[in-house]
Amino acid sequence: MAKWTFKAVRPWLFGALAAATIGTGLASTQYRPVTIHLFSPTGNRSINFWTFKTKVRNILAQARVPVSARDRVRVMKRNGNTTIFVRDAVPVWVKTAHRHFKYWTTEYHVGSILSALGIKLAPLDKVRPPLTATVAAGNTVDVIRQWLVKKSVTSSLPFAVTYRPDPQLAKGRRQVVQNGRQGVESTTIQYLVQNGSPLSDKVVAKKVTKAPSPEVIAYGTAPAVTVNGQAMPIQRQLYMVSTGYWPNPAWSTGLTASGTPAHYGVVAVDPAVIPLGTHLYIPGYGYAVAQDTGSAIIGNRIDLCFNDQSQAINWGVRPLDVYILGN
């Protein structure tokens, strides 16, 4: 915002100048022509006459032109002719963001008044009335300071939700595959400030500083599985390669990785694929619980526990669908 310095106008200075000018005598006592030009906000006029008077004060008195200490008087002499210029001083009010004061001026245009006071305007500042307007006694010149301020604010961007079919998930079930994450957008707002208070605002720029990540939800398309005519609460279906084992005392303690005894219905899995404790249904084997692990059981491999060697050998190696059960 532009700054300005107020220069106090001393009425006695105008008076001293006026008195010095008015008290000046003309060069001789000849009968001479005089022209007086009078200026005021309400209009200008001229007076022409002849006089023997030599002092400006007396000439103005003879012409019945009242002059105050605040008026401005100037004398010009050329080729024996005398011309006197008198500008009436009028009071106006000057209002700024921080001051409201009375000022006597012999300038009648707003721009000239502000120049005399040393008030400079910034590009966005306004003046009422306009700089080219003429003022009258008692008028107010209102200087309105305006400037621009920019501010950045952040806001959240919602994430999208997408759905995709999952043939390994039972029909009617849904599972969140990827959690959604909100994004961040930065908005730059430009404010027009008038005398310290916001007057208007507009968005001048927008930028996505962090893009949102979509939430991905899988929905099951696997057909329902029934056992003995009853539908099972399938959560997920996995295609796996199965083998069989038994708790041989020769190489096994008889305990699973979970610490429970190995028996029919216990299976060994890769915990990265099927977490321990998961309830399963295996066609041809029945219900089972993932409670064991094995060094060779990696990925989509599953080892089914049997009660004896013959059952395990008879099972062999079988690719099959393993159903993860819900509650």
Protein backbone atom coordinates (compact mmCIF):
# COMPACT_ATOMS: atom_id res chain seq x y z
CA MET A 1 0.00 0.00 0.00
CA ALA A 2 1.32 3.46 -0.84
CA LYS A 3 2.39 5.65 2.04
CA TRP A 4 2.08 9.40 2.29
CA THR A 5 3.19 12.10 4.64
CA PHE A 6 0.80 14.86 5.68
CA LYS A 7 2.27 18.35 5.51
CA ALA A 8 0.53 20.70 7.89
CA VAL A 9 -0.61 23.89 6.19
CA ARG A 10 0.00 26.96 8.27
CA PRO A 11 -2.73 29.55 7.81
CA TRP A 12 -0.36 32.30 9.02
CA LEU A 13 1.92 31.53 6.06
CA PHE A 14 -0.86 32.34 3.60
CA GLY A 15 -1.63 35.40 5.64
CA ALA A 16 1.98 36.53 5.65
CA LEU A 17 2.28 36.05 1.91
CA ALA A 18 -1.01 37.77 1.28
CA ALA A 19 -0.10 40.63 3.60
CA ALA A 20 3.30 40.99 1.98
CA THR A 21 1.74 41.05 -1.46
CA ILE A 22 -1.14 43.29 -0.51
CA GLY A 23 1.15 45.72 1.24
CA THR A 24 3.37 46.11 -1.80
CA GLY A 25 3.15 49.52 -3.42
CA LEU A 26 3.11 50.09 -7.14
CA ALA A 27 6.04 51.86 -8.72
CA SER A 28 4.53 55.36 -9.08
CA THR A 29 1.43 57.45 -8.44
CA GLN A 30 0.29 57.59 -12.02
CA TYR A 31 -3.29 56.95 -12.98
CA ARG A 32 -3.08 53.38 -14.27
CA PRO A 33 -5.31 50.52 -15.38
CA VAL A 34 -5.75 47.53 -13.08
CA THR A 35 -7.32 44.16 -13.73
CA ILE A 36 -8.35 41.89 -10.86
CA HIS A 37 -9.09 38.23 -11.59
CA LEU A 38 -11.14 36.54 -8.85
CA PHE A 39 -11.21 32.73 -8.57
CA SER A 40 -13.53 30.60 -6.44
CA PRO A 41 -15.16 27.16 -6.67
CA THR A 42 -18.47 28.74 -7.61
CA GLY A 43 -17.07 30.70 -10.57
CA ASN A 44 -14.53 33.22 -11.80
CA ARG A 45 -14.89 36.89 -12.65
CA SER A 46 -12.72 39.87 -13.58
CA ILE A 47 -12.77 43.58 -12.60
CA ASN A 48 -11.19 46.31 -14.76
CA PHE A 49 -10.77 49.90 -13.57
CA TRP A 50 -8.33 52.83 -13.28
CA THR A 51 -6.77 53.94 -10.03
CA PHE A 52 -4.18 56.20 -8.42
CA LYS A 53 -3.70 53.64 -5.62
CA THR A 54 -0.24 52.17 -5.34
CA LYS A 55 -0.63 49.43 -2.74
CA VAL A 56 -2.37 46.17 -3.54
CA ARG A 57 -4.32 46.32 -0.25
CA ASN A 58 -5.74 49.71 -1.18
CA ILE A 59 -6.48 48.66 -4.75
CA LEU A 60 -8.46 45.64 -3.52
CA ALA A 61 -10.27 47.79 -0.98
CA GLN A 62 -11.21 50.28 -3.70
CA ALA A 63 -12.54 47.40 -5.81
CA ARG A 64 -14.43 46.11 -2.72
CA VAL A 65 -12.70 42.71 -2.91
CA PRO A 66 -12.47 41.18 0.60
CA VAL A 67 -9.32 39.13 1.21
CA SER A 68 -8.67 36.83 4.16
CA ALA A 69 -5.37 35.60 5.50
CA ARG A 70 -5.99 32.19 3.88
CA ASP A 71 -6.62 33.59 0.38
CA ARG A 72 -3.82 33.58 -2.18
CA VAL A 73 -2.95 36.88 -3.87
CA ARG A 74 -0.48 37.28 -6.73
CA VAL A 75 0.48 40.47 -8.64
CA MET A 76 1.82 40.71 -12.20
CA LYS A 77 3.00 43.93 -13.84
CA ARG A 78 3.65 44.23 -17.55
CA ASN A 79 3.94 47.26 -19.88
CA GLY A 80 2.46 49.60 -17.27
CA ASN A 81 -0.54 47.37 -16.64
CA THR A 82 -1.19 45.74 -13.29
CA THR A 83 -2.97 42.41 -12.93
CA ILE A 84 -3.94 40.99 -9.55
CA PHE A 85 -4.99 37.37 -9.07
CA VAL A 86 -7.04 36.46 -5.98
CA ARG A 87 -7.95 32.88 -5.16
CA ASP A 88 -10.51 32.40 -2.40
CA ALA A 89 -9.62 29.84 0.27
CA VAL A 90 -12.43 27.38 1.04
CA PRO A 91 -12.71 24.72 3.75
CA VAL A 92 -12.97 21.08 2.72
CA TRP A 93 -12.89 17.85 4.72
CA VAL A 94 -10.28 15.23 3.90
CA LYS A 95 -10.98 11.66 4.96
CA THR A 96 -8.42 8.85 4.89
CA ALA A 97 -8.29 5.39 6.47
CA HIS A 98 -6.92 6.83 9.72
CA ARG A 99 -7.76 10.55 9.71
CA HIS A 100 -10.63 12.93 9.10
CA PHE A 101 -9.61 16.59 9.16
CA LYS A 102 -10.53 20.06 7.91
CA TYR A 103 -8.30 21.74 5.36
CA TRP A 104 -8.41 25.26 3.87
CA THR A 105 -7.41 25.28 0.23
CA THR A 106 -7.09 27.63 -2.71
CA GLU A 107 -7.04 24.64 -5.08
CA TYR A 108 -10.45 23.59 -6.31
CA HIS A 109 -9.72 20.29 -8.01
CA VAL A 110 -9.45 17.08 -5.98
CA GLY A 111 -6.16 16.07 -7.59
CA SER A 112 -4.56 19.43 -6.80
CA ILE A 113 -5.74 19.27 -3.18
CA LEU A 114 -4.18 15.83 -2.69
CA SER A 115 -0.94 17.00 -4.32
CA ALA A 116 -0.79 20.00 -1.98
CA LEU A 117 -1.21 17.65 0.99
CA GLY A 118 1.42 15.22 -0.31
CA ILE A 119 -1.09 12.37 -0.55
CA LYS A 120 0.02 9.85 -3.18
CA LEU A 121 -2.29 7.21 -4.60
CA ALA A 122 -1.48 3.56 -5.30
CA PRO A 123 -2.80 1.94 -8.50
CA LEU A 124 -5.87 0.43 -6.80
CA ASP A 125 -6.73 3.39 -4.56
CA LYS A 126 -9.94 5.32 -5.14
CA VAL A 127 -10.97 8.91 -4.47
CA ARG A 128 -14.45 10.31 -4.07
CA PRO A 129 -15.19 12.61 -5.79
CA PRO A 130 -12.86 11.82 -8.75
CA LEU A 131 -9.49 13.55 -9.14
CA THR A 132 -10.81 15.83 -11.89
CA ALA A 133 -13.86 16.96 -9.89
CA THR A 134 -14.23 20.48 -8.51
CA VAL A 135 -14.93 20.87 -4.79
CA ALA A 136 -17.09 23.42 -3.03
CA ALA A 137 -16.84 24.72 0.53
CA GLY A 138 -17.68 21.99 3.00
CA ASN A 139 -17.23 19.12 0.58
CA THR A 140 -15.47 15.90 1.68
CA VAL A 141 -12.61 14.32 -0.23
CA ASP A 142 -12.59 10.61 0.64
CA VAL A 143 -9.33 8.73 -0.01
CA ILE A 144 -10.00 4.97 -0.13
CA ARG A 145 -6.93 2.76 0.15
CA GLN A 146 -7.14 -0.59 -1.66
CA TRP A 147 -4.66 -3.41 -2.10
CA LEU A 148 -4.53 -7.10 -2.94
CA VAL A 149 -3.66 -9.94 -0.56
CA LYS A 150 -3.20 -13.59 -1.54
CA LYS A 151 -3.79 -16.50 0.83
CA SER A 152 -3.46 -20.25 0.31
CA VAL A 153 -5.84 -22.72 1.94
CA THR A 154 -5.84 -26.52 1.78
CA SER A 155 -8.83 -28.82 1.51
CA SER A 156 -9.42 -32.55 1.29
CA LEU A 157 -10.27 -34.30 -1.95
CA PRO A 158 -12.60 -37.32 -1.64
CA PHE A 159 -11.43 -40.66 -2.94
CA ALA A 160 -13.34 -42.72 -5.47
CA VAL A 161 -14.68 -46.19 -4.74
CA THR A 162 -14.29 -48.86 -7.39
CA TYR A 163 -15.68 -52.39 -7.41
CA ARG A 164 -14.17 -55.40 -9.12
CA PRO A 165 -15.35 -59.01 -9.38
CA ASP A 166 -13.44 -61.70 -7.51
CA PRO A 167 -14.07 -65.30 -8.63
CA GLN A 168 -12.41 -66.59 -5.47
CA LEU A 169 -14.85 -64.76 -3.22
CA ALA A 170 -18.29 -66.22 -2.56
CA LYS A 171 -21.29 -64.52 -4.05
CA GLY A 172 -22.87 -61.98 -1.74
CA ARG A 173 -19.61 -61.20 0.06
CA ARG A 174 -17.46 -58.13 -0.26
CA GLN A 175 -13.90 -57.44 0.79
CA VAL A 176 -11.87 -54.24 0.86
CA VAL A 177 -8.78 -54.88 -1.23
CA GLN A 178 -7.34 -51.38 -0.97
CA ASN A 179 -8.27 -48.69 1.50
CA GLY A 180 -9.08 -45.31 0.01
CA ARG A 181 -6.95 -42.28 0.84
CA GLN A 182 -8.07 -38.66 0.62
CA GLY A 183 -6.10 -36.21 -1.47
CA VAL A 184 -5.07 -32.63 -0.71
CA GLU A 185 -5.79 -29.56 -2.84
CA SER A 186 -4.22 -26.14 -2.35
CA THR A 187 -6.36 -23.14 -3.35
CA THR A 188 -4.97 -19.61 -3.73
CA ILE A 189 -7.52 -16.89 -2.94
CA GLN A 190 -6.97 -13.25 -3.81
CA TYR A 191 -8.63 -10.71 -1.51
CA LEU A 192 -9.32 -7.08 -2.36
CA VAL A 193 -8.76 -5.18 0.89
CA GLN A 194 -10.30 -1.74 1.35
CA ASN A 195 -9.05 0.43 4.20
CA GLY A 196 -7.97 -2.72 6.06
CA SER A 197 -11.19 -4.73 5.59
CA PRO A 198 -11.72 -7.46 2.94
CA LEU A 199 -14.08 -6.20 0.24
CA SER A 200 -14.17 -9.14 -2.18
CA ASP A 201 -12.32 -12.32 -3.01
CA LYS A 202 -11.80 -14.69 -5.91
CA VAL A 203 -9.98 -17.96 -6.55
CA VAL A 204 -6.91 -17.36 -8.73
CA ALA A 205 -5.23 -20.79 -8.64
CA LYS A 206 -5.84 -24.41 -7.66
CA LYS A 207 -3.27 -27.18 -7.36
CA VAL A 208 -3.58 -30.82 -6.29
CA THR A 209 -0.64 -31.37 -3.93
CA LYS A 210 -1.58 -34.97 -3.11
CA ALA A 211 -3.74 -37.07 -5.40
CA PRO A 212 -6.43 -39.24 -3.80
CA SER A 213 -6.13 -43.04 -3.93
CA PRO A 214 -9.27 -45.00 -4.76
CA GLU A 215 -10.80 -47.56 -2.46
CA VAL A 216 -11.02 -50.94 -4.17
CA ILE A 217 -13.73 -53.37 -3.04
CA ALA A 218 -13.93 -56.90 -4.39
CA TYR A 219 -17.28 -58.61 -4.67
CA GLY A 220 -17.64 -62.37 -4.86
CA THR A 221 -18.68 -64.18 -8.01
CA ALA A 222 -17.88 -67.75 -6.86
CA PRO A 223 -20.93 -70.04 -6.86
CA ALA A 224 -22.37 -71.09 -3.54
CA VAL A 225 -21.07 -74.33 -2.04
CA THR A 226 -23.42 -76.70 -0.24
CA VAL A 227 -22.69 -79.56 2.11
CA ASN A 228 -25.48 -82.02 2.80
CA GLY A 229 -27.89 -79.61 1.15
CA GLN A 230 -26.87 -76.62 3.29
CA ALA A 231 -25.05 -73.59 1.95
CA MET A 232 -21.75 -72.92 3.64
CA PRO A 233 -20.74 -69.40 4.74
CA ILE A 234 -17.93 -69.09 2.23
CA GLN A 235 -15.68 -66.06 2.52
CA ARG A 236 -13.13 -66.96 -0.09
CA GLN A 237 -12.21 -69.71 -2.50
CA LEU A 238 -8.59 -70.66 -3.25
CA TYR A 239 -7.29 -73.07 -5.84
CA MET A 240 -4.51 -75.06 -4.10
CA VAL A 241 -2.38 -78.18 -4.41
CA SER A 242 -3.01 -80.55 -1.50
CA THR A 243 -0.96 -83.37 0.01
CA GLY A 244 -1.39 -85.57 3.08
CA TYR A 245 0.73 -86.25 6.17
CA TRP A 246 0.36 -88.01 9.53
CA PRO A 247 1.99 -87.43 12.95
CA ASN A 248 4.72 -90.09 12.68
CA PRO A 249 6.47 -90.44 16.07
CA ALA A 250 9.69 -91.18 14.24
CA TRP A 251 10.09 -87.65 12.97
CA SER A 252 7.35 -85.65 14.68
CA THR A 253 6.53 -84.60 18.24
CA GLY A 254 2.88 -84.87 17.38
CA LEU A 255 2.34 -81.15 18.00
CA THR A 256 1.46 -78.53 15.39
CA ALA A 257 3.09 -75.11 14.91
CA SER A 258 0.21 -73.77 16.97
CA GLY A 259 1.07 -76.08 19.85
CA THR A 260 -2.03 -78.28 19.49
CA PRO A 261 -1.92 -82.04 18.85
CA ALA A 262 -1.90 -83.03 15.19
CA HIS A 263 -4.98 -84.98 14.17
CA TYR A 264 -7.52 -85.35 11.38
CA GLY A 265 -9.02 -81.90 10.66
CA VAL A 266 -5.72 -80.05 11.12
CA VAL A 267 -4.00 -78.69 8.01
CA ALA A 268 -0.63 -77.06 7.38
CA VAL A 269 -0.62 -73.83 5.35
CA ASP A 270 1.52 -70.88 4.38
CA PRO A 271 0.41 -68.19 6.90
CA ALA A 272 1.01 -65.55 4.24
CA VAL A 273 -1.79 -67.12 2.20
CA ILE A 274 -4.08 -68.49 4.91
CA PRO A 275 -3.64 -67.16 8.45
CA LEU A 276 -3.35 -69.73 11.25
CA GLY A 277 -6.66 -70.33 12.98
CA THR A 278 -8.69 -70.01 9.77
CA HIS A 279 -11.59 -72.43 9.39
CA LEU A 280 -11.75 -74.23 6.06
CA TYR A 281 -13.83 -76.63 4.06
CA ILE A 282 -11.95 -79.00 1.74
CA PRO A 283 -14.00 -81.14 -0.66
CA GLY A 284 -13.25 -84.83 -0.09
CA TYR A 285 -11.65 -84.08 3.27
CA GLY A 286 -14.24 -82.05 5.17
CA TYR A 287 -13.97 -79.29 7.70
CA ALA A 288 -10.51 -78.26 8.89
CA VAL A 289 -8.58 -75.63 10.80
CA ALA A 290 -5.26 -74.12 9.66
CA GLN A 291 -3.02 -74.85 12.68
CA ASP A 292 0.24 -76.13 11.25
CA THR A 293 3.04 -75.08 8.92
CA GLY A 294 5.76 -76.86 6.97
CA SER A 295 9.03 -76.04 5.28
CA ALA A 296 7.66 -77.23 1.93
CA ILE A 297 4.26 -75.62 2.36
CA ILE A 298 4.75 -72.34 0.49
CA GLY A 299 2.21 -70.31 -1.47
CA ASN A 300 -0.89 -72.16 -2.58
CA ARG A 301 0.15 -75.47 -1.04
CA ILE A 302 -1.83 -77.19 1.72
CA ASP A 303 -0.94 -80.32 3.72
CA LEU A 304 -3.83 -82.30 5.24
CA CYS A 305 -3.31 -84.21 8.48
CA PHE A 306 -4.57 -87.82 8.61
CA ASN A 307 -4.69 -90.23 11.50
CA ASP A 308 -2.43 -92.86 9.88
CA GLN A 309 0.05 -93.39 7.08
CA SER A 310 -2.28 -95.26 4.74
CA GLN A 311 -4.84 -92.43 4.69
CA ALA A 312 -2.12 -89.89 3.91
CA ILE A 313 -0.61 -92.00 1.14
CA ASN A 314 -4.02 -92.71 -0.36
CA TRP A 315 -4.76 -88.99 -0.55
CA GLY A 316 -1.68 -88.42 -2.68
CA VAL A 317 -1.41 -85.06 -4.46
CA ARG A 318 -4.69 -83.41 -5.42
CA PRO A 319 -5.37 -79.96 -6.93
CA LEU A 320 -8.63 -78.68 -5.52
CA ASP A 321 -10.67 -75.67 -4.37
CA VAL A 322 -10.26 -74.78 -0.71
CA TYR A 323 -13.06 -72.74 0.83
CA ILE A 324 -12.33 -70.25 3.59
CA LEU A 325 -15.28 -70.18 5.94
CA GLY A 326 -16.82 -67.18 7.66
CA ASN A 327 -18.72 -67.04 10.91
